[in-house]
Amino acid sequence: MRIFRRNNDNNNYLFVAKSDEIPGCAAHGLTISEALNNFQKTAELWLKWFDNPPN
């Protein structure tokens, strides 16, 4: 898992959580905790879709 700090359009920070083990899966938040929490939710949805992709 990697966490990046990025500037948004208002010169505020956003934190981005990303994992090499789940390609294309990333999430962001205003805090590190929020980014990690959002990533967990996103990863669960990604894995659910991966196990049962739409026809």
PDB file of N, CA and C in Angstrom:
ATOM      1  N   MET A   1       0.852  -1.162   0.000  1.00  0.00           N
ATOM      2  CA  MET A   1       0.000   0.000   0.000  1.00  0.00           C
ATOM      3  C   MET A   1       0.900   1.226   0.000  1.00  0.00           C
ATOM      4  N   ARG A   2       0.500   2.178  -0.804  1.00  0.00           N
ATOM      5  CA  ARG A   2       1.207   3.457  -0.853  1.00  0.00           C
ATOM      6  C   ARG A   2       0.197   4.575  -0.616  1.00  0.00           C
ATOM      7  N   ILE A   3       0.650   5.613   0.038  1.00  0.00           N
ATOM      8  CA  ILE A   3      -0.190   6.790   0.257  1.00  0.00           C
ATOM      9  C   ILE A   3       0.577   8.003  -0.252  1.00  0.00           C
ATOM     10  N   PHE A   4      -0.087   8.778  -1.091  1.00  0.00           N
ATOM     11  CA  PHE A   4       0.495   9.980  -1.665  1.00  0.00           C
ATOM     12  C   PHE A   4      -0.244  11.199  -1.138  1.00  0.00           C
ATOM     13  N   ARG A   5       0.459  12.269  -1.001  1.00  0.00           N
ATOM     14  CA  ARG A   5      -0.183  13.544  -0.681  1.00  0.00           C
ATOM     15  C   ARG A   5      -0.178  14.379  -1.950  1.00  0.00           C
ATOM     16  N   ARG A   6      -1.358  14.800  -2.356  1.00  0.00           N
ATOM     17  CA  ARG A   6      -1.505  15.572  -3.586  1.00  0.00           C
ATOM     18  C   ARG A   6      -2.173  16.904  -3.287  1.00  0.00           C
ATOM     19  N   ASN A   7      -1.808  17.909  -4.053  1.00  0.00           N
ATOM     20  CA  ASN A   7      -2.500  19.200  -3.971  1.00  0.00           C
ATOM     21  C   ASN A   7      -3.747  19.146  -4.835  1.00  0.00           C
ATOM     22  N   ASN A   8      -4.847  19.697  -4.335  1.00  0.00           N
ATOM     23  CA  ASN A   8      -6.026  19.804  -5.190  1.00  0.00           C
ATOM     24  C   ASN A   8      -6.083  21.215  -5.760  1.00  0.00           C
ATOM     25  N   ASP A   9      -7.135  21.557  -6.430  1.00  0.00           N
ATOM     26  CA  ASP A   9      -7.241  22.845  -7.116  1.00  0.00           C
ATOM     27  C   ASP A   9      -7.197  24.046  -6.175  1.00  0.00           C
ATOM     28  N   ASN A  10      -7.539  23.860  -4.934  1.00  0.00           N
ATOM     29  CA  ASN A  10      -7.585  24.966  -3.970  1.00  0.00           C
ATOM     30  C   ASN A  10      -6.320  25.053  -3.123  1.00  0.00           C
ATOM     31  N   ASN A  11      -5.250  24.406  -3.553  1.00  0.00           N
ATOM     32  CA  ASN A  11      -3.999  24.338  -2.794  1.00  0.00           C
ATOM     33  C   ASN A  11      -4.171  23.696  -1.425  1.00  0.00           C
ATOM     34  N   ASN A  12      -5.162  22.832  -1.306  1.00  0.00           N
ATOM     35  CA  ASN A  12      -5.326  22.000  -0.121  1.00  0.00           C
ATOM     36  C   ASN A  12      -4.782  20.622  -0.460  1.00  0.00           C
ATOM     37  N   TYR A  13      -4.596  19.811   0.561  1.00  0.00           N
ATOM     38  CA  TYR A  13      -4.060  18.478   0.334  1.00  0.00           C
ATOM     39  C   TYR A  13      -5.156  17.428   0.271  1.00  0.00           C
ATOM     40  N   LEU A  14      -4.949  16.454  -0.571  1.00  0.00           N
ATOM     41  CA  LEU A  14      -5.717  15.222  -0.600  1.00  0.00           C
ATOM     42  C   LEU A  14      -4.720  14.092  -0.428  1.00  0.00           C
ATOM     43  N   PHE A  15      -5.139  13.033   0.218  1.00  0.00           N
ATOM     44  CA  PHE A  15      -4.304  11.855   0.362  1.00  0.00           C
ATOM     45  C   PHE A  15      -4.881  10.758  -0.526  1.00  0.00           C
ATOM     46  N   VAL A  16      -4.012  10.086  -1.272  1.00  0.00           N
ATOM     47  CA  VAL A  16      -4.417   9.035  -2.188  1.00  0.00           C
ATOM     48  C   VAL A  16      -3.801   7.725  -1.724  1.00  0.00           C
ATOM     49  N   ALA A  17      -4.640   6.705  -1.567  1.00  0.00           N
ATOM     50  CA  ALA A  17      -4.182   5.369  -1.182  1.00  0.00           C
ATOM     51  C   ALA A  17      -4.274   4.470  -2.410  1.00  0.00           C
ATOM     52  N   LYS A  18      -3.211   3.692  -2.626  1.00  0.00           N
ATOM     53  CA  LYS A  18      -3.111   2.848  -3.809  1.00  0.00           C
ATOM     54  C   LYS A  18      -2.360   1.579  -3.456  1.00  0.00           C
ATOM     55  N   SER A  19      -2.692   0.490  -4.137  1.00  0.00           N
ATOM     56  CA  SER A  19      -2.009  -0.770  -3.888  1.00  0.00           C
ATOM     57  C   SER A  19      -1.620  -1.413  -5.211  1.00  0.00           C
ATOM     58  N   ASP A  20      -0.382  -1.864  -5.320  1.00  0.00           N
ATOM     59  CA  ASP A  20       0.072  -2.543  -6.537  1.00  0.00           C
ATOM     60  C   ASP A  20      -0.592  -3.912  -6.693  1.00  0.00           C
ATOM     61  N   GLU A  21      -1.050  -4.491  -5.594  1.00  0.00           N
ATOM     62  CA  GLU A  21      -1.671  -5.812  -5.637  1.00  0.00           C
ATOM     63  C   GLU A  21      -3.055  -5.782  -6.267  1.00  0.00           C
ATOM     64  N   ILE A  22      -3.691  -4.605  -6.285  1.00  0.00           N
ATOM     65  CA  ILE A  22      -5.023  -4.462  -6.885  1.00  0.00           C
ATOM     66  C   ILE A  22      -4.909  -3.367  -7.952  1.00  0.00           C
ATOM     67  N   PRO A  23      -4.550  -3.739  -9.169  1.00  0.00           N
ATOM     68  CA  PRO A  23      -4.323  -2.742 -10.220  1.00  0.00           C
ATOM     69  C   PRO A  23      -5.560  -1.889 -10.500  1.00  0.00           C
ATOM     70  N   GLY A  24      -5.353  -0.610 -10.617  1.00  0.00           N
ATOM     71  CA  GLY A  24      -6.439   0.304 -10.934  1.00  0.00           C
ATOM     72  C   GLY A  24      -7.311   0.686  -9.766  1.00  0.00           C
ATOM     73  N   CYS A  25      -7.025   0.163  -8.601  1.00  0.00           N
ATOM     74  CA  CYS A  25      -7.833   0.453  -7.412  1.00  0.00           C
ATOM     75  C   CYS A  25      -7.124   1.520  -6.590  1.00  0.00           C
ATOM     76  N   ALA A  26      -7.807   2.640  -6.381  1.00  0.00           N
ATOM     77  CA  ALA A  26      -7.258   3.737  -5.585  1.00  0.00           C
ATOM     78  C   ALA A  26      -8.409   4.499  -4.965  1.00  0.00           C
ATOM     79  N   ALA A  27      -8.122   5.216  -3.902  1.00  0.00           N
ATOM     80  CA  ALA A  27      -9.142   6.038  -3.246  1.00  0.00           C
ATOM     81  C   ALA A  27      -8.443   7.232  -2.619  1.00  0.00           C
ATOM     82  N   HIS A  28      -9.216   8.268  -2.337  1.00  0.00           N
ATOM     83  CA  HIS A  28      -8.631   9.469  -1.747  1.00  0.00           C
ATOM     84  C   HIS A  28      -9.471   9.933  -0.563  1.00  0.00           C
ATOM     85  N   GLY A  29      -8.882  10.832   0.225  1.00  0.00           N
ATOM     86  CA  GLY A  29      -9.573  11.425   1.363  1.00  0.00           C
ATOM     87  C   GLY A  29      -8.842  12.669   1.824  1.00  0.00           C
ATOM     88  N   LEU A  30      -9.499  13.418   2.687  1.00  0.00           N
ATOM     89  CA  LEU A  30      -8.884  14.637   3.210  1.00  0.00           C
ATOM     90  C   LEU A  30      -7.834  14.340   4.276  1.00  0.00           C
ATOM     91  N   THR A  31      -7.898  13.146   4.862  1.00  0.00           N
ATOM     92  CA  THR A  31      -6.907  12.705   5.848  1.00  0.00           C
ATOM     93  C   THR A  31      -6.391  11.333   5.426  1.00  0.00           C
ATOM     94  N   ILE A  32      -5.298  10.909   6.030  1.00  0.00           N
ATOM     95  CA  ILE A  32      -4.776   9.575   5.739  1.00  0.00           C
ATOM     96  C   ILE A  32      -5.786   8.515   6.145  1.00  0.00           C
ATOM     97  N   SER A  33      -6.403   8.678   7.309  1.00  0.00           N
ATOM     98  CA  SER A  33      -7.407   7.712   7.769  1.00  0.00           C
ATOM     99  C   SER A  33      -8.583   7.618   6.809  1.00  0.00           C
ATOM    100  N   GLU A  34      -9.037   8.752   6.321  1.00  0.00           N
ATOM    101  CA  GLU A  34     -10.151   8.758   5.386  1.00  0.00           C
ATOM    102  C   GLU A  34      -9.759   8.080   4.078  1.00  0.00           C
ATOM    103  N   ALA A  35      -8.563   8.335   3.602  1.00  0.00           N
ATOM    104  CA  ALA A  35      -8.099   7.691   2.373  1.00  0.00           C
ATOM    105  C   ALA A  35      -8.008   6.177   2.551  1.00  0.00           C
ATOM    106  N   LEU A  36      -7.499   5.727   3.687  1.00  0.00           N
ATOM    107  CA  LEU A  36      -7.401   4.289   3.944  1.00  0.00           C
ATOM    108  C   LEU A  36      -8.780   3.648   4.063  1.00  0.00           C
ATOM    109  N   ASN A  37      -9.689   4.313   4.756  1.00  0.00           N
ATOM    110  CA  ASN A  37     -11.049   3.800   4.908  1.00  0.00           C
ATOM    111  C   ASN A  37     -11.732   3.720   3.545  1.00  0.00           C
ATOM    112  N   ASN A  38     -11.589   4.760   2.747  1.00  0.00           N
ATOM    113  CA  ASN A  38     -12.180   4.762   1.404  1.00  0.00           C
ATOM    114  C   ASN A  38     -11.547   3.689   0.525  1.00  0.00           C
ATOM    115  N   PHE A  39     -10.236   3.487   0.687  1.00  0.00           N
ATOM    116  CA  PHE A  39      -9.573   2.444  -0.087  1.00  0.00           C
ATOM    117  C   PHE A  39     -10.106   1.068   0.284  1.00  0.00           C
ATOM    118  N   GLN A  40     -10.311   0.827   1.552  1.00  0.00           N
ATOM    119  CA  GLN A  40     -10.834  -0.473   1.990  1.00  0.00           C
ATOM    120  C   GLN A  40     -12.193  -0.740   1.349  1.00  0.00           C
ATOM    121  N   LYS A  41     -13.065   0.245   1.361  1.00  0.00           N
ATOM    122  CA  LYS A  41     -14.390   0.089   0.744  1.00  0.00           C
ATOM    123  C   LYS A  41     -14.263  -0.141  -0.764  1.00  0.00           C
ATOM    124  N   THR A  42     -13.401   0.633  -1.400  1.00  0.00           N
ATOM    125  CA  THR A  42     -13.205   0.503  -2.847  1.00  0.00           C
ATOM    126  C   THR A  42     -12.616  -0.853  -3.197  1.00  0.00           C
ATOM    127  N   ALA A  43     -11.649  -1.312  -2.426  1.00  0.00           N
ATOM    128  CA  ALA A  43     -11.017  -2.607  -2.684  1.00  0.00           C
ATOM    129  C   ALA A  43     -12.025  -3.739  -2.525  1.00  0.00           C
ATOM    130  N   GLU A  44     -12.900  -3.649  -1.539  1.00  0.00           N
ATOM    131  CA  GLU A  44     -13.922  -4.679  -1.354  1.00  0.00           C
ATOM    132  C   GLU A  44     -14.850  -4.737  -2.561  1.00  0.00           C
ATOM    133  N   LEU A  45     -15.267  -3.579  -3.056  1.00  0.00           N
ATOM    134  CA  LEU A  45     -16.119  -3.548  -4.249  1.00  0.00           C
ATOM    135  C   LEU A  45     -15.375  -4.061  -5.472  1.00  0.00           C
ATOM    136  N   TRP A  46     -14.110  -3.684  -5.617  1.00  0.00           N
ATOM    137  CA  TRP A  46     -13.289  -4.122  -6.746  1.00  0.00           C
ATOM    138  C   TRP A  46     -13.165  -5.643  -6.741  1.00  0.00           C
ATOM    139  N   LEU A  47     -12.865  -6.212  -5.567  1.00  0.00           N
ATOM    140  CA  LEU A  47     -12.693  -7.663  -5.468  1.00  0.00           C
ATOM    141  C   LEU A  47     -14.011  -8.396  -5.701  1.00  0.00           C
ATOM    142  N   LYS A  48     -15.118  -7.834  -5.212  1.00  0.00           N
ATOM    143  CA  LYS A  48     -16.427  -8.437  -5.450  1.00  0.00           C
ATOM    144  C   LYS A  48     -16.723  -8.465  -6.950  1.00  0.00           C
ATOM    145  N   TRP A  49     -16.439  -7.362  -7.651  1.00  0.00           N
ATOM    146  CA  TRP A  49     -16.644  -7.300  -9.085  1.00  0.00           C
ATOM    147  C   TRP A  49     -15.720  -8.289  -9.810  1.00  0.00           C
ATOM    148  N   PHE A  50     -14.460  -8.355  -9.370  1.00  0.00           N
ATOM    149  CA  PHE A  50     -13.485  -9.229 -10.009  1.00  0.00           C
ATOM    150  C   PHE A  50     -13.914 -10.688  -9.896  1.00  0.00           C
ATOM    151  N   ASP A  51     -14.484 -11.078  -8.750  1.00  0.00           N
ATOM    152  CA  ASP A  51     -14.933 -12.455  -8.551  1.00  0.00           C
ATOM    153  C   ASP A  51     -16.181 -12.777  -9.366  1.00  0.00           C
ATOM    154  N   ASN A  52     -16.968 -11.744  -9.699  1.00  0.00           N
ATOM    155  CA  ASN A  52     -18.216 -11.962 -10.420  1.00  0.00           C
ATOM    156  C   ASN A  52     -18.464 -10.801 -11.381  1.00  0.00           C
ATOM    157  N   PRO A  53     -17.676 -10.679 -12.453  1.00  0.00           N
ATOM    158  CA  PRO A  53     -17.831  -9.546 -13.377  1.00  0.00           C
ATOM    159  C   PRO A  53     -19.184  -9.595 -14.093  1.00  0.00           C
ATOM    160  N   PRO A  54     -19.696  -8.443 -14.484  1.00  0.00           N
ATOM    161  CA  PRO A  54     -20.975  -8.432 -15.206  1.00  0.00           C
ATOM    162  C   PRO A  54     -20.837  -9.095 -16.567  1.00  0.00           C
ATOM    163  N   ASN A  55     -21.913  -9.661 -17.032  1.00  0.00           N
ATOM    164  CA  ASN A  55     -21.886 -10.360 -18.334  1.00  0.00           C
ATOM    165  C   ASN A  55     -21.875  -9.401 -19.476  1.00  0.00           C
TER     166      ASN A  55
END
